[in-house]
Amino acid sequence: MPRLPSVFVSHGSPTLALDPGATGRGLASLAAALPRPKAIVVASAHWDAPRPNVSAAVHPETIHDFHGFPRPLYEIRYPAPGAPEVARRAHELLCAAGLDAALEGRGLDHGAWVPLAFMYLQADVPVFQVAIQDGAGPAHHYRVGEALAPLASEGVLILGSGSATHNLREVRWGEGENEGVPDWVREFRAWLADRLEKGDVEALLDYRSRAPHAARNHPTEDHLVPLFVPLGAAGAGAKIERRNDLVTFGVLGMDAFVMQPAA
């Protein structure tokens, strides 16, 4: 089976599920251009654990891990089946790479089901998750991606879900897509896209000191470190294409990146 590309998506606010706009259409278009995977593993910003644990739930529940949003959001279900056998394979790969991990029965948080609801509307592709470790940094998550890389040759889509920029203190809920975007958001997103497209892994791993306005765009790293899982899985020399060149609510970058491994 040909090796699948790996992907990073920005999932934005949970309200994306109700008001998809150009972002939702872009996610659907992105998935339609990919080979159909036999399973998906998601590294989501919303599952943070001390270890890169893997969820092996047979029927993962839809987790509504947010508060104060419109009631219809809490009624949404994404009933994709789990992939326990593939999850066990992922767990073995992580352990073989020296990454201490455990198997759990966790469901799908909104970092997984919100984008997947547009990418795979029928919820008919098995899905499981791997936890991030907020505070462990980019290099650790790149290593997680490297460990999981064999899955891409076994028909598994390795998907990171976070946000290209994520400063909730500066969100402006009244702004539409690409409206009122400040320079500090534009400059960081431009740097990120440029470094990815040039394959400058060294600079990306050190983005905190090299990227413009890094700390302002990411006061914490939980929404950017999922990027490094698919990046590590794609490996050196990957061809990286930017998709969804959008910002919502003034400061939430909705960029997606498709990472095609080198031949």
C-alpha atoms as a PDB file:
ATOM      1  CA  MET A   1       0.000   0.000   0.000  1.00  0.00           C
ATOM      2  CA  PRO A   2       1.385   3.480  -0.882  1.00  0.00           C
ATOM      3  CA  ARG A   3       2.433   5.562   2.089  1.00  0.00           C
ATOM      4  CA  LEU A   4      -0.240   8.061   3.087  1.00  0.00           C
ATOM      5  CA  PRO A   5       0.562  11.715   3.628  1.00  0.00           C
ATOM      6  CA  SER A   6       0.150  13.036   7.157  1.00  0.00           C
ATOM      7  CA  VAL A   7      -1.942  16.087   7.936  1.00  0.00           C
ATOM      8  CA  PHE A   8      -2.256  18.956  10.409  1.00  0.00           C
ATOM      9  CA  VAL A   9      -5.564  20.803  10.750  1.00  0.00           C
ATOM     10  CA  SER A  10      -6.658  23.761  12.836  1.00  0.00           C
ATOM     11  CA  HIS A  11      -9.983  23.013  14.521  1.00  0.00           C
ATOM     12  CA  GLY A  12     -10.753  26.509  15.822  1.00  0.00           C
ATOM     13  CA  SER A  13     -13.727  27.105  18.078  1.00  0.00           C
ATOM     14  CA  PRO A  14     -16.214  24.279  18.739  1.00  0.00           C
ATOM     15  CA  THR A  15     -18.778  26.475  16.944  1.00  0.00           C
ATOM     16  CA  LEU A  16     -17.083  25.466  13.698  1.00  0.00           C
ATOM     17  CA  ALA A  17     -19.349  22.402  13.893  1.00  0.00           C
ATOM     18  CA  LEU A  18     -22.393  24.680  13.552  1.00  0.00           C
ATOM     19  CA  ASP A  19     -20.946  27.397  11.298  1.00  0.00           C
ATOM     20  CA  PRO A  20     -18.361  25.758   9.022  1.00  0.00           C
ATOM     21  CA  GLY A  21     -17.876  28.564   6.492  1.00  0.00           C
ATOM     22  CA  ALA A  22     -14.853  28.319   4.216  1.00  0.00           C
ATOM     23  CA  THR A  23     -12.966  26.333   6.856  1.00  0.00           C
ATOM     24  CA  GLY A  24     -15.429  23.457   6.798  1.00  0.00           C
ATOM     25  CA  ARG A  25     -15.495  23.424   3.009  1.00  0.00           C
ATOM     26  CA  GLY A  26     -11.703  23.428   2.965  1.00  0.00           C
ATOM     27  CA  LEU A  27     -11.523  20.454   5.336  1.00  0.00           C
ATOM     28  CA  ALA A  28     -13.946  18.500   3.162  1.00  0.00           C
ATOM     29  CA  SER A  29     -11.932  19.336   0.053  1.00  0.00           C
ATOM     30  CA  LEU A  30      -8.682  18.360   1.754  1.00  0.00           C
ATOM     31  CA  ALA A  31      -9.997  14.936   2.733  1.00  0.00           C
ATOM     32  CA  ALA A  32     -11.489  14.324  -0.706  1.00  0.00           C
ATOM     33  CA  ALA A  33      -8.039  14.773  -2.243  1.00  0.00           C
ATOM     34  CA  LEU A  34      -6.450  12.159   0.053  1.00  0.00           C
ATOM     35  CA  PRO A  35      -6.441   8.387  -0.456  1.00  0.00           C
ATOM     36  CA  ARG A  36      -9.133   6.875   1.719  1.00  0.00           C
ATOM     37  CA  PRO A  37      -7.495   5.648   4.949  1.00  0.00           C
ATOM     38  CA  LYS A  38      -8.336   2.389   6.682  1.00  0.00           C
ATOM     39  CA  ALA A  39      -8.090   4.218  10.036  1.00  0.00           C
ATOM     40  CA  ILE A  40      -7.171   7.612  11.480  1.00  0.00           C
ATOM     41  CA  VAL A  41      -5.038   8.399  14.508  1.00  0.00           C
ATOM     42  CA  VAL A  42      -5.540  11.913  15.895  1.00  0.00           C
ATOM     43  CA  ALA A  43      -3.091  13.806  18.095  1.00  0.00           C
ATOM     44  CA  SER A  44      -5.454  16.440  19.489  1.00  0.00           C
ATOM     45  CA  ALA A  45      -4.680  19.500  21.577  1.00  0.00           C
ATOM     46  CA  HIS A  46      -7.534  18.432  23.856  1.00  0.00           C
ATOM     47  CA  TRP A  47      -6.093  15.193  25.150  1.00  0.00           C
ATOM     48  CA  ASP A  48      -3.143  16.053  27.354  1.00  0.00           C
ATOM     49  CA  ALA A  49      -1.672  13.232  29.447  1.00  0.00           C
ATOM     50  CA  PRO A  50       1.649  12.578  31.169  1.00  0.00           C
ATOM     51  CA  ARG A  51       2.455   9.959  28.493  1.00  0.00           C
ATOM     52  CA  PRO A  52       1.552   9.518  24.788  1.00  0.00           C
ATOM     53  CA  ASN A  53      -1.269   7.173  25.700  1.00  0.00           C
ATOM     54  CA  VAL A  54      -3.377   5.568  22.983  1.00  0.00           C
ATOM     55  CA  SER A  55      -7.149   5.134  22.987  1.00  0.00           C
ATOM     56  CA  ALA A  56      -8.305   1.636  22.031  1.00  0.00           C
ATOM     57  CA  ALA A  57     -12.050   2.168  22.504  1.00  0.00           C
ATOM     58  CA  VAL A  58     -14.204  -0.063  20.313  1.00  0.00           C
ATOM     59  CA  HIS A  59     -17.031   2.501  20.172  1.00  0.00           C
ATOM     60  CA  PRO A  60     -15.510   5.877  21.153  1.00  0.00           C
ATOM     61  CA  GLU A  61     -17.988   8.299  22.659  1.00  0.00           C
ATOM     62  CA  THR A  62     -18.316  11.867  21.416  1.00  0.00           C
ATOM     63  CA  ILE A  63     -16.810  14.028  24.165  1.00  0.00           C
ATOM     64  CA  HIS A  64     -18.224  17.557  24.553  1.00  0.00           C
ATOM     65  CA  ASP A  65     -15.225  19.001  26.368  1.00  0.00           C
ATOM     66  CA  PHE A  66     -16.301  22.657  26.382  1.00  0.00           C
ATOM     67  CA  HIS A  67     -18.668  24.854  28.360  1.00  0.00           C
ATOM     68  CA  GLY A  68     -21.024  27.744  27.690  1.00  0.00           C
ATOM     69  CA  PHE A  69     -21.668  27.111  23.999  1.00  0.00           C
ATOM     70  CA  PRO A  70     -25.034  26.779  22.184  1.00  0.00           C
ATOM     71  CA  ARG A  71     -27.073  23.711  23.148  1.00  0.00           C
ATOM     72  CA  PRO A  72     -27.086  22.207  19.612  1.00  0.00           C
ATOM     73  CA  LEU A  73     -23.349  21.618  19.940  1.00  0.00           C
ATOM     74  CA  TYR A  74     -23.930  19.233  22.826  1.00  0.00           C
ATOM     75  CA  GLU A  75     -26.392  17.234  20.765  1.00  0.00           C
ATOM     76  CA  ILE A  76     -23.896  16.430  18.003  1.00  0.00           C
ATOM     77  CA  ARG A  77     -22.565  12.884  17.879  1.00  0.00           C
ATOM     78  CA  TYR A  78     -19.759  11.599  15.670  1.00  0.00           C
ATOM     79  CA  PRO A  79     -20.331   7.830  15.779  1.00  0.00           C
ATOM     80  CA  ALA A  80     -17.173   6.632  14.048  1.00  0.00           C
ATOM     81  CA  PRO A  81     -16.008   3.180  15.127  1.00  0.00           C
ATOM     82  CA  GLY A  82     -12.784   2.778  17.030  1.00  0.00           C
ATOM     83  CA  ALA A  83      -9.730   0.941  15.730  1.00  0.00           C
ATOM     84  CA  PRO A  84      -8.529  -1.125  18.701  1.00  0.00           C
ATOM     85  CA  GLU A  85      -6.206  -3.383  16.696  1.00  0.00           C
ATOM     86  CA  VAL A  86      -4.520  -0.417  15.004  1.00  0.00           C
ATOM     87  CA  ALA A  87      -4.374   1.356  18.362  1.00  0.00           C
ATOM     88  CA  ARG A  88      -2.513  -1.600  19.827  1.00  0.00           C
ATOM     89  CA  ARG A  89      -0.111  -1.461  16.885  1.00  0.00           C
ATOM     90  CA  ALA A  90       0.461   2.255  17.577  1.00  0.00           C
ATOM     91  CA  HIS A  91       1.053   1.493  21.236  1.00  0.00           C
ATOM     92  CA  GLU A  92       3.656  -1.131  20.297  1.00  0.00           C
ATOM     93  CA  LEU A  93       5.448   1.316  18.007  1.00  0.00           C
ATOM     94  CA  LEU A  94       5.588   3.983  20.716  1.00  0.00           C
ATOM     95  CA  CYS A  95       6.914   1.553  23.298  1.00  0.00           C
ATOM     96  CA  ALA A  96       9.499   0.184  20.847  1.00  0.00           C
ATOM     97  CA  ALA A  97      10.744   3.759  20.362  1.00  0.00           C
ATOM     98  CA  GLY A  98      11.254   4.123  24.105  1.00  0.00           C
ATOM     99  CA  LEU A  99       8.160   6.269  24.605  1.00  0.00           C
ATOM    100  CA  ASP A 100       6.339   5.050  27.694  1.00  0.00           C
ATOM    101  CA  ALA A 101       2.663   4.789  26.802  1.00  0.00           C
ATOM    102  CA  ALA A 102      -0.489   3.041  27.942  1.00  0.00           C
ATOM    103  CA  LEU A 103      -3.738   1.929  26.312  1.00  0.00           C
ATOM    104  CA  GLU A 104      -6.990   3.577  27.404  1.00  0.00           C
ATOM    105  CA  GLY A 105     -10.659   3.445  26.407  1.00  0.00           C
ATOM    106  CA  ARG A 106     -11.112   7.172  25.827  1.00  0.00           C
ATOM    107  CA  GLY A 107     -13.578   8.701  23.347  1.00  0.00           C
ATOM    108  CA  LEU A 108     -13.124  11.476  20.777  1.00  0.00           C
ATOM    109  CA  ASP A 109     -12.707  15.047  22.020  1.00  0.00           C
ATOM    110  CA  HIS A 110     -13.777  18.027  19.928  1.00  0.00           C
ATOM    111  CA  GLY A 111     -10.269  18.461  18.556  1.00  0.00           C
ATOM    112  CA  ALA A 112     -10.915  15.167  16.772  1.00  0.00           C
ATOM    113  CA  TRP A 113     -14.618  15.049  15.972  1.00  0.00           C
ATOM    114  CA  VAL A 114     -15.155  18.649  14.886  1.00  0.00           C
ATOM    115  CA  PRO A 115     -12.732  18.536  11.915  1.00  0.00           C
ATOM    116  CA  LEU A 116     -13.509  14.883  11.157  1.00  0.00           C
ATOM    117  CA  ALA A 117     -17.202  15.719  10.846  1.00  0.00           C
ATOM    118  CA  PHE A 118     -16.275  17.719   7.719  1.00  0.00           C
ATOM    119  CA  MET A 119     -13.460  15.507   6.480  1.00  0.00           C
ATOM    120  CA  TYR A 120     -15.348  12.208   6.793  1.00  0.00           C
ATOM    121  CA  LEU A 121     -18.995  13.179   7.076  1.00  0.00           C
ATOM    122  CA  GLN A 122     -20.307   9.614   7.149  1.00  0.00           C
ATOM    123  CA  ALA A 123     -18.216   8.760  10.247  1.00  0.00           C
ATOM    124  CA  ASP A 124     -17.336   5.463   8.577  1.00  0.00           C
ATOM    125  CA  VAL A 125     -13.542   5.536   8.975  1.00  0.00           C
ATOM    126  CA  PRO A 126     -12.306   4.042  12.276  1.00  0.00           C
ATOM    127  CA  VAL A 127     -10.684   6.623  14.565  1.00  0.00           C
ATOM    128  CA  PHE A 128      -8.514   6.564  17.656  1.00  0.00           C
ATOM    129  CA  GLN A 129      -6.400   9.140  19.469  1.00  0.00           C
ATOM    130  CA  VAL A 130      -2.927   9.552  20.919  1.00  0.00           C
ATOM    131  CA  ALA A 131      -2.346  11.995  23.773  1.00  0.00           C
ATOM    132  CA  ILE A 132      -0.076  15.027  23.627  1.00  0.00           C
ATOM    133  CA  GLN A 133       2.163  16.125  26.502  1.00  0.00           C
ATOM    134  CA  ASP A 134       1.741  19.839  27.008  1.00  0.00           C
ATOM    135  CA  GLY A 135       5.070  21.217  28.165  1.00  0.00           C
ATOM    136  CA  ALA A 136       7.136  18.447  26.560  1.00  0.00           C
ATOM    137  CA  GLY A 137       7.848  20.633  23.531  1.00  0.00           C
ATOM    138  CA  PRO A 138       8.060  20.198  19.766  1.00  0.00           C
ATOM    139  CA  ALA A 139      11.000  17.772  19.652  1.00  0.00           C
ATOM    140  CA  HIS A 140       9.183  15.262  21.852  1.00  0.00           C
ATOM    141  CA  HIS A 141       6.105  15.332  19.618  1.00  0.00           C
ATOM    142  CA  TYR A 142       8.256  15.075  16.489  1.00  0.00           C
ATOM    143  CA  ARG A 143       9.671  11.900  18.015  1.00  0.00           C
ATOM    144  CA  VAL A 144       6.137  10.602  18.639  1.00  0.00           C
ATOM    145  CA  GLY A 145       5.413  11.180  14.960  1.00  0.00           C
ATOM    146  CA  GLU A 146       8.579   9.380  13.919  1.00  0.00           C
ATOM    147  CA  ALA A 147       7.557   6.400  16.050  1.00  0.00           C
ATOM    148  CA  LEU A 148       4.091   6.298  14.470  1.00  0.00           C
ATOM    149  CA  ALA A 149       5.396   6.762  10.910  1.00  0.00           C
ATOM    150  CA  PRO A 150       5.130   3.052   9.918  1.00  0.00           C
ATOM    151  CA  LEU A 151       1.347   3.359  10.258  1.00  0.00           C
ATOM    152  CA  ALA A 152       1.296   5.641   7.207  1.00  0.00           C
ATOM    153  CA  SER A 153       2.484   2.689   5.104  1.00  0.00           C
ATOM    154  CA  GLU A 154      -0.274   0.554   6.602  1.00  0.00           C
ATOM    155  CA  GLY A 155      -3.169   2.736   5.462  1.00  0.00           C
ATOM    156  CA  VAL A 156      -3.464   4.916   8.569  1.00  0.00           C
ATOM    157  CA  LEU A 157      -3.864   8.685   8.343  1.00  0.00           C
ATOM    158  CA  ILE A 158      -1.747  10.429  10.991  1.00  0.00           C
ATOM    159  CA  LEU A 159      -3.592  13.638  11.841  1.00  0.00           C
ATOM    160  CA  GLY A 160      -2.568  16.446  14.169  1.00  0.00           C
ATOM    161  CA  SER A 161      -5.362  18.761  15.313  1.00  0.00           C
ATOM    162  CA  GLY A 162      -4.665  22.062  17.020  1.00  0.00           C
ATOM    163  CA  SER A 163      -4.458  25.641  15.788  1.00  0.00           C
ATOM    164  CA  ALA A 164      -1.920  27.574  13.749  1.00  0.00           C
ATOM    165  CA  THR A 165      -2.420  30.442  16.212  1.00  0.00           C
ATOM    166  CA  HIS A 166      -4.261  30.208  19.511  1.00  0.00           C
ATOM    167  CA  ASN A 167      -4.509  33.142  21.889  1.00  0.00           C
ATOM    168  CA  LEU A 168      -7.977  32.945  23.415  1.00  0.00           C
ATOM    169  CA  ARG A 169      -7.425  36.105  25.456  1.00  0.00           C
ATOM    170  CA  GLU A 170      -7.414  38.149  22.240  1.00  0.00           C
ATOM    171  CA  VAL A 171     -10.271  36.431  20.390  1.00  0.00           C
ATOM    172  CA  ARG A 172     -12.813  38.802  18.840  1.00  0.00           C
ATOM    173  CA  TRP A 173     -16.009  36.812  18.468  1.00  0.00           C
ATOM    174  CA  GLY A 174     -17.658  39.318  16.126  1.00  0.00           C
ATOM    175  CA  GLU A 175     -15.013  39.075  13.400  1.00  0.00           C
ATOM    176  CA  GLY A 176     -15.718  37.033  10.266  1.00  0.00           C
ATOM    177  CA  GLU A 177     -13.241  34.920   8.367  1.00  0.00           C
ATOM    178  CA  ASN A 178     -10.072  36.891   7.530  1.00  0.00           C
ATOM    179  CA  GLU A 179     -11.474  40.080   9.066  1.00  0.00           C
ATOM    180  CA  GLY A 180      -9.472  42.306  11.405  1.00  0.00           C
ATOM    181  CA  VAL A 181      -6.388  40.073  11.469  1.00  0.00           C
ATOM    182  CA  PRO A 182      -3.545  41.843  13.333  1.00  0.00           C
ATOM    183  CA  ASP A 183       0.023  41.914  12.052  1.00  0.00           C
ATOM    184  CA  TRP A 184       1.307  39.725  14.875  1.00  0.00           C
ATOM    185  CA  VAL A 185      -0.968  36.910  13.694  1.00  0.00           C
ATOM    186  CA  ARG A 186      -0.169  37.448   9.998  1.00  0.00           C
ATOM    187  CA  GLU A 187       3.573  37.446  10.598  1.00  0.00           C
ATOM    188  CA  PHE A 188       3.597  34.270  12.681  1.00  0.00           C
ATOM    189  CA  ARG A 189       1.403  32.365  10.207  1.00  0.00           C
ATOM    190  CA  ALA A 190       3.567  33.514   7.292  1.00  0.00           C
ATOM    191  CA  TRP A 191       6.707  32.348   9.096  1.00  0.00           C
ATOM    192  CA  LEU A 192       5.139  28.998   9.975  1.00  0.00           C
ATOM    193  CA  ALA A 193       3.962  28.315   6.416  1.00  0.00           C
ATOM    194  CA  ASP A 194       7.314  29.372   4.953  1.00  0.00           C
ATOM    195  CA  ARG A 195       9.366  27.163   7.292  1.00  0.00           C
ATOM    196  CA  LEU A 196       7.085  24.192   6.649  1.00  0.00           C
ATOM    197  CA  GLU A 197       7.141  24.603   2.886  1.00  0.00           C
ATOM    198  CA  LYS A 198      10.954  24.861   2.965  1.00  0.00           C
ATOM    199  CA  GLY A 199      11.259  21.828   5.227  1.00  0.00           C
ATOM    200  CA  ASP A 200      13.210  23.742   7.851  1.00  0.00           C
ATOM    201  CA  VAL A 201      12.629  21.307  10.710  1.00  0.00           C
ATOM    202  CA  GLU A 202      15.445  22.790  12.798  1.00  0.00           C
ATOM    203  CA  ALA A 203      13.801  26.232  12.817  1.00  0.00           C
ATOM    204  CA  LEU A 204      10.352  24.765  13.451  1.00  0.00           C
ATOM    205  CA  LEU A 205      11.522  22.785  16.462  1.00  0.00           C
ATOM    206  CA  ASP A 206      12.967  26.045  17.818  1.00  0.00           C
ATOM    207  CA  TYR A 207       9.971  28.162  16.785  1.00  0.00           C
ATOM    208  CA  ARG A 208       9.601  29.571  20.289  1.00  0.00           C
ATOM    209  CA  SER A 209      12.777  31.642  19.891  1.00  0.00           C
ATOM    210  CA  ARG A 210      12.829  32.063  16.090  1.00  0.00           C
ATOM    211  CA  ALA A 211       9.264  32.786  15.001  1.00  0.00           C
ATOM    212  CA  PRO A 212       7.888  36.341  15.236  1.00  0.00           C
ATOM    213  CA  HIS A 213       5.417  36.835  18.103  1.00  0.00           C
ATOM    214  CA  ALA A 214       5.568  33.122  19.011  1.00  0.00           C
ATOM    215  CA  ALA A 215       4.564  33.529  22.653  1.00  0.00           C
ATOM    216  CA  ARG A 216       1.738  35.931  21.837  1.00  0.00           C
ATOM    217  CA  ASN A 217       0.268  33.560  19.265  1.00  0.00           C
ATOM    218  CA  HIS A 218       0.761  30.560  21.538  1.00  0.00           C
ATOM    219  CA  PRO A 219       0.761  31.567  25.219  1.00  0.00           C
ATOM    220  CA  THR A 220       0.787  27.800  25.821  1.00  0.00           C
ATOM    221  CA  GLU A 221       2.004  25.189  23.343  1.00  0.00           C
ATOM    222  CA  ASP A 222      -0.869  22.713  23.516  1.00  0.00           C
ATOM    223  CA  HIS A 223      -2.428  23.827  20.223  1.00  0.00           C
ATOM    224  CA  LEU A 224       0.802  23.855  18.200  1.00  0.00           C
ATOM    225  CA  VAL A 225       2.591  20.715  19.383  1.00  0.00           C
ATOM    226  CA  PRO A 226       0.062  18.483  17.535  1.00  0.00           C
ATOM    227  CA  LEU A 227       1.638  19.869  14.337  1.00  0.00           C
ATOM    228  CA  PHE A 228       4.892  18.096  15.131  1.00  0.00           C
ATOM    229  CA  VAL A 229       3.338  14.626  15.238  1.00  0.00           C
ATOM    230  CA  PRO A 230       2.413  14.530  11.519  1.00  0.00           C
ATOM    231  CA  LEU A 231       5.600  16.451  10.732  1.00  0.00           C
ATOM    232  CA  GLY A 232       7.699  13.752  12.416  1.00  0.00           C
ATOM    233  CA  ALA A 233       5.659  11.049  10.679  1.00  0.00           C
ATOM    234  CA  ALA A 234       6.249  12.611   7.252  1.00  0.00           C
ATOM    235  CA  GLY A 235       9.992  12.723   7.856  1.00  0.00           C
ATOM    236  CA  ALA A 236      12.822  14.733   6.343  1.00  0.00           C
ATOM    237  CA  GLY A 237      12.309  16.011   2.826  1.00  0.00           C
ATOM    238  CA  ALA A 238       8.509  15.883   2.939  1.00  0.00           C
ATOM    239  CA  LYS A 239       6.649  18.051   0.456  1.00  0.00           C
ATOM    240  CA  ILE A 240       4.314  20.252   2.497  1.00  0.00           C
ATOM    241  CA  GLU A 241       1.308  22.078   1.077  1.00  0.00           C
ATOM    242  CA  ARG A 242      -0.629  24.734   2.949  1.00  0.00           C
ATOM    243  CA  ARG A 243      -4.414  24.559   2.861  1.00  0.00           C
ATOM    244  CA  ASN A 244      -7.139  26.690   4.510  1.00  0.00           C
ATOM    245  CA  ASP A 245      -5.327  30.035   4.483  1.00  0.00           C
ATOM    246  CA  LEU A 246      -7.878  31.506   6.878  1.00  0.00           C
ATOM    247  CA  VAL A 247      -8.240  33.244  10.236  1.00  0.00           C
ATOM    248  CA  THR A 248     -11.426  33.227  12.313  1.00  0.00           C
ATOM    249  CA  PHE A 249     -12.422  35.551  15.173  1.00  0.00           C
ATOM    250  CA  GLY A 250      -9.496  37.818  14.359  1.00  0.00           C
ATOM    251  CA  VAL A 251      -6.729  35.668  15.822  1.00  0.00           C
ATOM    252  CA  LEU A 252      -7.432  31.930  15.368  1.00  0.00           C
ATOM    253  CA  GLY A 253      -5.375  30.670  12.429  1.00  0.00           C
ATOM    254  CA  MET A 254      -7.258  27.902  10.615  1.00  0.00           C
ATOM    255  CA  ASP A 255      -4.336  26.761   8.465  1.00  0.00           C
ATOM    256  CA  ALA A 256      -4.044  23.114   7.454  1.00  0.00           C
ATOM    257  CA  PHE A 257      -0.973  21.403   6.044  1.00  0.00           C
ATOM    258  CA  VAL A 258      -0.706  18.228   3.975  1.00  0.00           C
ATOM    259  CA  MET A 259       2.694  16.562   4.392  1.00  0.00           C
ATOM    260  CA  GLN A 260       3.662  14.155   1.605  1.00  0.00           C
ATOM    261  CA  PRO A 261       6.685  12.011   2.536  1.00  0.00           C
ATOM    262  CA  ALA A 262       9.676  12.105   0.220  1.00  0.00           C
ATOM    263  CA  ALA A 263       9.758   9.286  -2.315  1.00  0.00           C
END
